[in-house]
Amino acid sequence: MIKIYLVILLGALSLSVACATESASCQVDPLYSQLTNESKLLMFGELHGTNEMPAYFAAVVCSLATKNRPLKVGFEYLPDQLPLIRKYISTGHTDIDRQNLVSHPFWSGSYQDGRASKAMLGLIDEIRLLKKSGKDIEVFVFDNQSAENRDQAMAEMVMKELEEDPNVLHLLITGNVHSQIKKGVPWNQSLETMGSYIYKSDSTVVSVILTHTGGDAWMCTPNCSQTTLKVEQGVDQATLYELNPASDSQKHSYQLNVGVLTSSYPVGQRQRSEFSKLQE
């Protein structure tokens, strides 16, 4: 039964990855080219657990990755994930490497907050394909949940990457609070975020908050499940995939609306259709 489920799971992941890869058309707002001439770091703040936000980020990565311009992509993951991801994107996509990656407790554990979704695995696979095509692209991670001040520790990890590779363009995807370049959240107006720590060190950093017009997402509120979302206030529903200056309340450089969201389930989550296949 375990072997049968593994085959089904890997098949579902392959389909998810294929869809994510096809959706990354590499056609994004041309303003990014200007922004990357002015900054070495673009941060994207997402709502975890959706299909659309990682897919859009993949399109941005695809559009900015060239054979002559080194690029590093950052994930809000712990350091023990990095060797597995790097091996996976470098080996040419073997089932064994994928199994080693998704069997890690981060992907297979009971607590799933949306960062180990099928869409995020699709994003990693998009990076693998770009690297395979000859693009100069690598990955890094920037989470430290054992630190007394997690956001400060995350910022230090990102800034270390910038110092080690000053001539490389860095893109990262993270939660939309961590990506704020101004301090303060509704529950703590004095809270310094990862982005605000980085911004104090380098004011050229650009942060983009990915917004939406409702739908649903896999998220923890506090229980982790598919959750219905309301349309965000202040989001221009008529403008999709266009960079616009963020409002003061958003505390980012820019905002971009990706439209209606759909949930991306955790890699280890068996959905009803998969249970049905097991019973057939």
C-alpha atoms as a PDB file:
ATOM      1  CA  MET A   1       0.000   0.000   0.000  1.00  0.00           C
ATOM      2  CA  ILE A   2       2.835   2.408   0.798  1.00  0.00           C
ATOM      3  CA  LYS A   3       4.495   1.723  -2.559  1.00  0.00           C
ATOM      4  CA  ILE A   4       1.197   2.239  -4.394  1.00  0.00           C
ATOM      5  CA  TYR A   5       0.612   5.553  -2.638  1.00  0.00           C
ATOM      6  CA  LEU A   6       4.162   6.689  -3.395  1.00  0.00           C
ATOM      7  CA  VAL A   7       3.620   6.078  -7.116  1.00  0.00           C
ATOM      8  CA  ILE A   8       0.351   8.018  -7.028  1.00  0.00           C
ATOM      9  CA  LEU A   9       1.919  10.855  -5.035  1.00  0.00           C
ATOM     10  CA  LEU A  10       4.862  11.185  -7.405  1.00  0.00           C
ATOM     11  CA  GLY A  11       2.512  11.110 -10.386  1.00  0.00           C
ATOM     12  CA  ALA A  12       0.408  13.882  -8.885  1.00  0.00           C
ATOM     13  CA  LEU A  13       3.519  15.913  -8.152  1.00  0.00           C
ATOM     14  CA  SER A  14       4.757  15.476 -11.726  1.00  0.00           C
ATOM     15  CA  LEU A  15       1.432  16.761 -13.056  1.00  0.00           C
ATOM     16  CA  SER A  16       1.510  19.698 -10.631  1.00  0.00           C
ATOM     17  CA  VAL A  17       5.085  20.543 -11.635  1.00  0.00           C
ATOM     18  CA  ALA A  18       4.236  20.369 -15.326  1.00  0.00           C
ATOM     19  CA  CYS A  19       1.333  22.773 -14.891  1.00  0.00           C
ATOM     20  CA  ALA A  20       3.437  25.178 -12.851  1.00  0.00           C
ATOM     21  CA  THR A  21       6.205  25.091 -15.454  1.00  0.00           C
ATOM     22  CA  GLU A  22       3.821  25.782 -18.326  1.00  0.00           C
ATOM     23  CA  SER A  23       2.257  28.733 -16.463  1.00  0.00           C
ATOM     24  CA  ALA A  24       5.639  30.414 -16.013  1.00  0.00           C
ATOM     25  CA  SER A  25       5.525  32.237 -19.352  1.00  0.00           C
ATOM     26  CA  CYS A  26       8.433  34.555 -18.529  1.00  0.00           C
ATOM     27  CA  GLN A  27       6.268  37.536 -19.541  1.00  0.00           C
ATOM     28  CA  VAL A  28       6.188  39.908 -16.583  1.00  0.00           C
ATOM     29  CA  ASP A  29       6.044  43.660 -16.001  1.00  0.00           C
ATOM     30  CA  PRO A  30       9.045  45.248 -17.802  1.00  0.00           C
ATOM     31  CA  LEU A  31       9.623  47.460 -14.769  1.00  0.00           C
ATOM     32  CA  TYR A  32      11.519  44.543 -13.201  1.00  0.00           C
ATOM     33  CA  SER A  33      14.429  45.091 -15.556  1.00  0.00           C
ATOM     34  CA  GLN A  34      14.831  48.642 -14.275  1.00  0.00           C
ATOM     35  CA  LEU A  35      14.468  47.607 -10.652  1.00  0.00           C
ATOM     36  CA  THR A  36      17.143  44.938 -10.944  1.00  0.00           C
ATOM     37  CA  ASN A  37      19.558  47.504 -12.349  1.00  0.00           C
ATOM     38  CA  GLU A  38      19.100  49.504  -9.156  1.00  0.00           C
ATOM     39  CA  SER A  39      18.954  46.709  -6.564  1.00  0.00           C
ATOM     40  CA  LYS A  40      20.648  43.386  -5.903  1.00  0.00           C
ATOM     41  CA  LEU A  41      17.664  42.059  -3.959  1.00  0.00           C
ATOM     42  CA  LEU A  42      13.990  41.704  -4.862  1.00  0.00           C
ATOM     43  CA  MET A  43      11.771  40.293  -2.107  1.00  0.00           C
ATOM     44  CA  PHE A  44       8.318  38.894  -2.831  1.00  0.00           C
ATOM     45  CA  GLY A  45       5.807  38.634  -0.018  1.00  0.00           C
ATOM     46  CA  GLU A  46       3.245  35.903  -0.531  1.00  0.00           C
ATOM     47  CA  LEU A  47       0.321  34.252   1.182  1.00  0.00           C
ATOM     48  CA  HIS A  48       1.520  30.691   1.759  1.00  0.00           C
ATOM     49  CA  GLY A  49      -0.417  27.759   0.335  1.00  0.00           C
ATOM     50  CA  THR A  50      -1.587  28.975  -3.091  1.00  0.00           C
ATOM     51  CA  ASN A  51      -0.954  27.928  -6.672  1.00  0.00           C
ATOM     52  CA  GLU A  52      -0.877  31.406  -8.154  1.00  0.00           C
ATOM     53  CA  MET A  53       1.777  33.138  -6.056  1.00  0.00           C
ATOM     54  CA  PRO A  54       4.617  30.596  -6.498  1.00  0.00           C
ATOM     55  CA  ALA A  55       3.692  30.324 -10.199  1.00  0.00           C
ATOM     56  CA  TYR A  56       3.960  34.094 -10.625  1.00  0.00           C
ATOM     57  CA  PHE A  57       7.274  34.172  -8.760  1.00  0.00           C
ATOM     58  CA  ALA A  58       8.487  31.401 -11.074  1.00  0.00           C
ATOM     59  CA  ALA A  59       7.623  33.612 -14.048  1.00  0.00           C
ATOM     60  CA  VAL A  60       9.665  36.462 -12.587  1.00  0.00           C
ATOM     61  CA  VAL A  61      12.618  34.142 -11.961  1.00  0.00           C
ATOM     62  CA  CYS A  62      12.323  32.830 -15.516  1.00  0.00           C
ATOM     63  CA  SER A  63      12.226  36.350 -16.988  1.00  0.00           C
ATOM     64  CA  LEU A  64      15.304  37.535 -15.069  1.00  0.00           C
ATOM     65  CA  ALA A  65      17.439  34.418 -15.458  1.00  0.00           C
ATOM     66  CA  THR A  66      19.903  34.760 -18.336  1.00  0.00           C
ATOM     67  CA  LYS A  67      22.972  32.793 -19.314  1.00  0.00           C
ATOM     68  CA  ASN A  68      25.164  35.838 -18.671  1.00  0.00           C
ATOM     69  CA  ARG A  69      23.645  37.035 -15.388  1.00  0.00           C
ATOM     70  CA  PRO A  70      24.036  34.986 -12.205  1.00  0.00           C
ATOM     71  CA  LEU A  71      20.866  34.623 -10.170  1.00  0.00           C
ATOM     72  CA  LYS A  72      20.199  33.212  -6.682  1.00  0.00           C
ATOM     73  CA  VAL A  73      16.717  32.345  -5.459  1.00  0.00           C
ATOM     74  CA  GLY A  74      15.934  32.268  -1.744  1.00  0.00           C
ATOM     75  CA  PHE A  75      13.394  30.152   0.139  1.00  0.00           C
ATOM     76  CA  GLU A  76      12.049  30.551   3.664  1.00  0.00           C
ATOM     77  CA  TYR A  77      13.464  27.151   4.620  1.00  0.00           C
ATOM     78  CA  LEU A  78      15.893  25.903   7.266  1.00  0.00           C
ATOM     79  CA  PRO A  79      19.557  25.222   6.365  1.00  0.00           C
ATOM     80  CA  ASP A  80      19.177  21.427   6.454  1.00  0.00           C
ATOM     81  CA  GLN A  81      16.912  21.727   3.408  1.00  0.00           C
ATOM     82  CA  LEU A  82      19.555  23.380   1.249  1.00  0.00           C
ATOM     83  CA  PRO A  83      21.700  20.325   0.357  1.00  0.00           C
ATOM     84  CA  LEU A  84      18.599  18.352  -0.671  1.00  0.00           C
ATOM     85  CA  ILE A  85      17.269  21.155  -2.876  1.00  0.00           C
ATOM     86  CA  ARG A  86      20.641  21.829  -4.473  1.00  0.00           C
ATOM     87  CA  LYS A  87      21.140  18.166  -5.212  1.00  0.00           C
ATOM     88  CA  TYR A  88      17.664  17.898  -6.701  1.00  0.00           C
ATOM     89  CA  ILE A  89      18.081  20.853  -9.076  1.00  0.00           C
ATOM     90  CA  SER A  90      21.551  19.684 -10.135  1.00  0.00           C
ATOM     91  CA  THR A  91      21.056  15.966 -10.766  1.00  0.00           C
ATOM     92  CA  GLY A  92      18.533  16.046 -13.562  1.00  0.00           C
ATOM     93  CA  HIS A  93      15.366  15.072 -11.698  1.00  0.00           C
ATOM     94  CA  THR A  94      15.684  11.502 -10.480  1.00  0.00           C
ATOM     95  CA  ASP A  95      12.871   9.849  -8.542  1.00  0.00           C
ATOM     96  CA  ILE A  96      15.321   9.029  -5.748  1.00  0.00           C
ATOM     97  CA  ASP A  97      16.359  12.668  -5.307  1.00  0.00           C
ATOM     98  CA  ARG A  98      12.739  13.797  -5.303  1.00  0.00           C
ATOM     99  CA  GLN A  99      11.854  11.153  -2.730  1.00  0.00           C
ATOM    100  CA  ASN A 100      14.798  12.249  -0.565  1.00  0.00           C
ATOM    101  CA  LEU A 101      13.589  15.844  -0.791  1.00  0.00           C
ATOM    102  CA  VAL A 102       9.895  15.320  -0.046  1.00  0.00           C
ATOM    103  CA  SER A 103      10.482  12.675   2.644  1.00  0.00           C
ATOM    104  CA  HIS A 104      12.237  15.300   4.781  1.00  0.00           C
ATOM    105  CA  PRO A 105      10.086  16.154   7.857  1.00  0.00           C
ATOM    106  CA  PHE A 106       9.546  19.680   6.512  1.00  0.00           C
ATOM    107  CA  TRP A 107       7.604  18.252   3.579  1.00  0.00           C
ATOM    108  CA  SER A 108       6.146  15.148   5.189  1.00  0.00           C
ATOM    109  CA  GLY A 109       5.481  16.308   8.770  1.00  0.00           C
ATOM    110  CA  SER A 110       2.033  16.807  10.288  1.00  0.00           C
ATOM    111  CA  TYR A 111       2.320  20.618  10.586  1.00  0.00           C
ATOM    112  CA  GLN A 112       2.004  22.189   7.140  1.00  0.00           C
ATOM    113  CA  ASP A 113       1.755  25.982   6.841  1.00  0.00           C
ATOM    114  CA  GLY A 114       1.801  26.182   3.037  1.00  0.00           C
ATOM    115  CA  ARG A 115       5.550  26.487   2.473  1.00  0.00           C
ATOM    116  CA  ALA A 116       5.834  22.796   1.548  1.00  0.00           C
ATOM    117  CA  SER A 117       3.038  22.882  -0.998  1.00  0.00           C
ATOM    118  CA  LYS A 118       2.889  21.186  -4.371  1.00  0.00           C
ATOM    119  CA  ALA A 119       3.166  24.629  -5.976  1.00  0.00           C
ATOM    120  CA  MET A 120       6.403  25.329  -4.096  1.00  0.00           C
ATOM    121  CA  LEU A 121       7.789  22.002  -5.291  1.00  0.00           C
ATOM    122  CA  GLY A 122       6.757  23.112  -8.771  1.00  0.00           C
ATOM    123  CA  LEU A 123       8.741  26.330  -8.279  1.00  0.00           C
ATOM    124  CA  ILE A 124      11.828  24.328  -7.295  1.00  0.00           C
ATOM    125  CA  ASP A 125      11.355  22.214 -10.386  1.00  0.00           C
ATOM    126  CA  GLU A 126      11.095  25.335 -12.556  1.00  0.00           C
ATOM    127  CA  ILE A 127      14.482  26.414 -11.191  1.00  0.00           C
ATOM    128  CA  ARG A 128      15.842  22.952 -12.011  1.00  0.00           C
ATOM    129  CA  LEU A 129      14.655  23.298 -15.605  1.00  0.00           C
ATOM    130  CA  LEU A 130      16.170  26.775 -15.940  1.00  0.00           C
ATOM    131  CA  LYS A 131      19.486  25.477 -14.633  1.00  0.00           C
ATOM    132  CA  LYS A 132      19.314  22.522 -17.000  1.00  0.00           C
ATOM    133  CA  SER A 133      18.786  24.921 -19.910  1.00  0.00           C
ATOM    134  CA  GLY A 134      22.072  26.644 -19.105  1.00  0.00           C
ATOM    135  CA  LYS A 135      20.961  29.528 -16.908  1.00  0.00           C
ATOM    136  CA  ASP A 136      23.367  30.560 -14.125  1.00  0.00           C
ATOM    137  CA  ILE A 137      20.987  29.987 -11.221  1.00  0.00           C
ATOM    138  CA  GLU A 138      21.405  28.713  -7.658  1.00  0.00           C
ATOM    139  CA  VAL A 139      19.324  28.622  -4.472  1.00  0.00           C
ATOM    140  CA  PHE A 140      19.756  29.680  -0.853  1.00  0.00           C
ATOM    141  CA  VAL A 141      17.674  29.481   2.335  1.00  0.00           C
ATOM    142  CA  PHE A 142      17.052  31.979   5.113  1.00  0.00           C
ATOM    143  CA  ASP A 143      15.078  30.649   8.076  1.00  0.00           C
ATOM    144  CA  ASN A 144      16.126  30.182  11.690  1.00  0.00           C
ATOM    145  CA  GLN A 145      13.196  29.260  13.907  1.00  0.00           C
ATOM    146  CA  SER A 146      15.370  28.597  16.949  1.00  0.00           C
ATOM    147  CA  ALA A 147      16.607  32.196  17.127  1.00  0.00           C
ATOM    148  CA  GLU A 148      15.300  34.489  19.855  1.00  0.00           C
ATOM    149  CA  ASN A 149      14.533  37.070  17.166  1.00  0.00           C
ATOM    150  CA  ARG A 150      13.591  35.069  14.084  1.00  0.00           C
ATOM    151  CA  ASP A 151      13.178  38.015  11.691  1.00  0.00           C
ATOM    152  CA  GLN A 152      16.535  39.479  12.637  1.00  0.00           C
ATOM    153  CA  ALA A 153      18.207  36.098  12.172  1.00  0.00           C
ATOM    154  CA  MET A 154      16.522  35.702   8.779  1.00  0.00           C
ATOM    155  CA  ALA A 155      17.706  39.168   7.743  1.00  0.00           C
ATOM    156  CA  GLU A 156      21.263  38.344   8.769  1.00  0.00           C
ATOM    157  CA  MET A 157      21.183  35.191   6.645  1.00  0.00           C
ATOM    158  CA  VAL A 158      19.990  37.135   3.608  1.00  0.00           C
ATOM    159  CA  MET A 159      22.529  39.932   4.102  1.00  0.00           C
ATOM    160  CA  LYS A 160      25.303  37.349   4.400  1.00  0.00           C
ATOM    161  CA  GLU A 161      24.278  35.990   0.999  1.00  0.00           C
ATOM    162  CA  LEU A 162      24.422  39.506  -0.467  1.00  0.00           C
ATOM    163  CA  GLU A 163      27.882  40.087   1.008  1.00  0.00           C
ATOM    164  CA  GLU A 164      29.228  36.771  -0.285  1.00  0.00           C
ATOM    165  CA  ASP A 165      27.859  37.308  -3.811  1.00  0.00           C
ATOM    166  CA  PRO A 166      27.705  41.092  -4.329  1.00  0.00           C
ATOM    167  CA  ASN A 167      27.514  40.820  -8.133  1.00  0.00           C
ATOM    168  CA  VAL A 168      24.631  38.353  -8.156  1.00  0.00           C
ATOM    169  CA  LEU A 169      20.955  39.268  -8.431  1.00  0.00           C
ATOM    170  CA  HIS A 170      19.026  37.794  -5.500  1.00  0.00           C
ATOM    171  CA  LEU A 171      15.288  37.043  -5.523  1.00  0.00           C
ATOM    172  CA  LEU A 172      13.428  35.563  -2.592  1.00  0.00           C
ATOM    173  CA  ILE A 173       9.904  34.487  -1.732  1.00  0.00           C
ATOM    174  CA  THR A 174       8.657  34.661   1.837  1.00  0.00           C
ATOM    175  CA  GLY A 175       5.610  35.434   3.950  1.00  0.00           C
ATOM    176  CA  ASN A 176       4.144  38.880   3.333  1.00  0.00           C
ATOM    177  CA  VAL A 177       4.962  40.095   6.855  1.00  0.00           C
ATOM    178  CA  HIS A 178       8.626  39.068   6.690  1.00  0.00           C
ATOM    179  CA  SER A 179       8.931  40.969   3.392  1.00  0.00           C
ATOM    180  CA  GLN A 180       7.780  44.330   4.809  1.00  0.00           C
ATOM    181  CA  ILE A 181      10.457  47.016   4.575  1.00  0.00           C
ATOM    182  CA  LYS A 182       8.765  49.117   7.259  1.00  0.00           C
ATOM    183  CA  LYS A 183       8.316  47.947  10.820  1.00  0.00           C
ATOM    184  CA  GLY A 184       4.994  47.340  12.507  1.00  0.00           C
ATOM    185  CA  VAL A 185       2.158  44.816  12.282  1.00  0.00           C
ATOM    186  CA  PRO A 186      -1.427  45.087  13.582  1.00  0.00           C
ATOM    187  CA  TRP A 187      -0.582  43.165  16.754  1.00  0.00           C
ATOM    188  CA  ASN A 188       2.756  44.928  17.406  1.00  0.00           C
ATOM    189  CA  GLN A 189       3.429  48.357  15.889  1.00  0.00           C
ATOM    190  CA  SER A 190       7.100  48.290  16.921  1.00  0.00           C
ATOM    191  CA  LEU A 191       7.905  44.865  15.414  1.00  0.00           C
ATOM    192  CA  GLU A 192      10.924  44.875  13.117  1.00  0.00           C
ATOM    193  CA  THR A 193      10.451  42.488  10.199  1.00  0.00           C
ATOM    194  CA  MET A 194      13.104  40.709   8.192  1.00  0.00           C
ATOM    195  CA  GLY A 195      12.602  43.214   5.393  1.00  0.00           C
ATOM    196  CA  SER A 196      12.862  46.236   7.665  1.00  0.00           C
ATOM    197  CA  TYR A 197      16.173  44.989   9.075  1.00  0.00           C
ATOM    198  CA  ILE A 198      17.518  44.507   5.549  1.00  0.00           C
ATOM    199  CA  TYR A 199      16.185  47.881   4.384  1.00  0.00           C
ATOM    200  CA  LYS A 200      18.022  49.689   7.181  1.00  0.00           C
ATOM    201  CA  SER A 201      21.239  48.137   5.888  1.00  0.00           C
ATOM    202  CA  ASP A 202      20.483  48.564   2.172  1.00  0.00           C
ATOM    203  CA  SER A 203      17.793  51.054   1.143  1.00  0.00           C
ATOM    204  CA  THR A 204      17.930  49.889  -2.490  1.00  0.00           C
ATOM    205  CA  VAL A 205      16.177  46.608  -1.658  1.00  0.00           C
ATOM    206  CA  VAL A 206      12.818  46.245  -3.421  1.00  0.00           C
ATOM    207  CA  SER A 207       9.866  44.435  -1.847  1.00  0.00           C
ATOM    208  CA  VAL A 208       6.742  43.368  -3.731  1.00  0.00           C
ATOM    209  CA  ILE A 209       3.622  42.235  -1.912  1.00  0.00           C
ATOM    210  CA  LEU A 210       1.549  39.785  -3.930  1.00  0.00           C
ATOM    211  CA  THR A 211      -2.140  40.567  -3.423  1.00  0.00           C
ATOM    212  CA  HIS A 212      -5.321  38.803  -4.512  1.00  0.00           C
ATOM    213  CA  THR A 213      -9.037  39.142  -5.157  1.00  0.00           C
ATOM    214  CA  GLY A 214     -10.298  36.322  -2.985  1.00  0.00           C
ATOM    215  CA  GLY A 215     -10.445  32.582  -3.476  1.00  0.00           C
ATOM    216  CA  ASP A 216      -8.887  30.094  -1.064  1.00  0.00           C
ATOM    217  CA  ALA A 217      -5.501  29.006   0.273  1.00  0.00           C
ATOM    218  CA  TRP A 218      -4.004  26.240   2.391  1.00  0.00           C
ATOM    219  CA  MET A 219      -3.100  28.090   5.571  1.00  0.00           C
ATOM    220  CA  CYS A 220      -2.978  27.821   9.365  1.00  0.00           C
ATOM    221  CA  THR A 221      -5.510  29.966  11.259  1.00  0.00           C
ATOM    222  CA  PRO A 222      -4.432  28.316  13.613  1.00  0.00           C
ATOM    223  CA  ASN A 223      -5.505  24.901  12.271  1.00  0.00           C
ATOM    224  CA  CYS A 224      -3.999  24.121   8.878  1.00  0.00           C
ATOM    225  CA  SER A 225      -6.553  23.531   6.126  1.00  0.00           C
ATOM    226  CA  GLN A 226      -8.067  24.979   2.979  1.00  0.00           C
ATOM    227  CA  THR A 227      -9.363  28.415   3.955  1.00  0.00           C
ATOM    228  CA  THR A 228     -11.746  30.751   2.127  1.00  0.00           C
ATOM    229  CA  LEU A 229     -10.360  34.253   1.584  1.00  0.00           C
ATOM    230  CA  LYS A 230     -12.075  37.608   1.322  1.00  0.00           C
ATOM    231  CA  VAL A 231     -11.199  40.130  -1.368  1.00  0.00           C
ATOM    232  CA  GLU A 232      -8.376  42.281  -0.016  1.00  0.00           C
ATOM    233  CA  GLN A 233      -9.233  45.916   0.646  1.00  0.00           C
ATOM    234  CA  GLY A 234      -7.389  48.490  -1.439  1.00  0.00           C
ATOM    235  CA  VAL A 235      -6.579  46.035  -4.248  1.00  0.00           C
ATOM    236  CA  ASP A 236      -7.419  47.177  -7.760  1.00  0.00           C
ATOM    237  CA  GLN A 237      -9.408  44.243  -9.115  1.00  0.00           C
ATOM    238  CA  ALA A 238      -9.152  45.516 -12.680  1.00  0.00           C
ATOM    239  CA  THR A 239      -5.358  45.501 -12.703  1.00  0.00           C
ATOM    240  CA  LEU A 240      -3.728  42.079 -12.794  1.00  0.00           C
ATOM    241  CA  TYR A 241       0.010  41.328 -12.960  1.00  0.00           C
ATOM    242  CA  GLU A 242       0.995  45.007 -13.094  1.00  0.00           C
ATOM    243  CA  LEU A 243       3.455  46.497 -10.630  1.00  0.00           C
ATOM    244  CA  ASN A 244       2.028  49.493  -8.815  1.00  0.00           C
ATOM    245  CA  PRO A 245       3.402  51.487  -5.876  1.00  0.00           C
ATOM    246  CA  ALA A 246       2.297  49.957  -2.586  1.00  0.00           C
ATOM    247  CA  SER A 247       0.179  51.939  -0.150  1.00  0.00           C
ATOM    248  CA  ASP A 248       1.665  53.144   3.127  1.00  0.00           C
ATOM    249  CA  SER A 249      -0.334  50.517   5.010  1.00  0.00           C
ATOM    250  CA  GLN A 250       1.140  47.701   2.893  1.00  0.00           C
ATOM    251  CA  LYS A 251       4.716  48.631   3.933  1.00  0.00           C
ATOM    252  CA  HIS A 252       6.260  47.331   0.710  1.00  0.00           C
ATOM    253  CA  SER A 253       7.768  49.053  -2.324  1.00  0.00           C
ATOM    254  CA  TYR A 254       5.221  47.693  -4.793  1.00  0.00           C
ATOM    255  CA  GLN A 255       2.063  45.620  -4.941  1.00  0.00           C
ATOM    256  CA  LEU A 256       0.933  43.191  -7.617  1.00  0.00           C
ATOM    257  CA  ASN A 257      -2.456  41.520  -7.903  1.00  0.00           C
ATOM    258  CA  VAL A 258      -2.425  37.872  -9.038  1.00  0.00           C
ATOM    259  CA  GLY A 259      -6.228  37.589  -9.042  1.00  0.00           C
ATOM    260  CA  VAL A 260      -8.342  34.808  -7.553  1.00  0.00           C
ATOM    261  CA  LEU A 261      -6.358  32.272  -5.533  1.00  0.00           C
ATOM    262  CA  THR A 262      -6.670  28.504  -5.361  1.00  0.00           C
ATOM    263  CA  SER A 263      -5.256  26.256  -2.664  1.00  0.00           C
ATOM    264  CA  SER A 264      -2.067  24.316  -3.207  1.00  0.00           C
ATOM    265  CA  TYR A 265      -2.113  21.335  -0.889  1.00  0.00           C
ATOM    266  CA  PRO A 266       0.946  20.106   1.022  1.00  0.00           C
ATOM    267  CA  VAL A 267       3.089  17.652  -0.906  1.00  0.00           C
ATOM    268  CA  GLY A 268       2.261  14.931   1.627  1.00  0.00           C
ATOM    269  CA  GLN A 269      -1.475  15.684   1.692  1.00  0.00           C
ATOM    270  CA  ARG A 270      -3.607  13.015   0.067  1.00  0.00           C
ATOM    271  CA  GLN A 271      -6.673  14.650  -1.403  1.00  0.00           C
ATOM    272  CA  ARG A 272     -10.019  12.917  -1.854  1.00  0.00           C
ATOM    273  CA  SER A 273      -9.255  11.924  -5.452  1.00  0.00           C
ATOM    274  CA  GLU A 274      -6.039  10.254  -4.375  1.00  0.00           C
ATOM    275  CA  PHE A 275      -7.850   8.306  -1.662  1.00  0.00           C
ATOM    276  CA  SER A 276     -10.338   7.192  -4.299  1.00  0.00           C
ATOM    277  CA  LYS A 277      -7.558   5.905  -6.532  1.00  0.00           C
ATOM    278  CA  LEU A 278      -6.149   3.904  -3.631  1.00  0.00           C
ATOM    279  CA  GLN A 279      -9.528   2.241  -3.115  1.00  0.00           C
ATOM    280  CA  GLU A 280     -10.085   1.358  -6.782  1.00  0.00           C
END
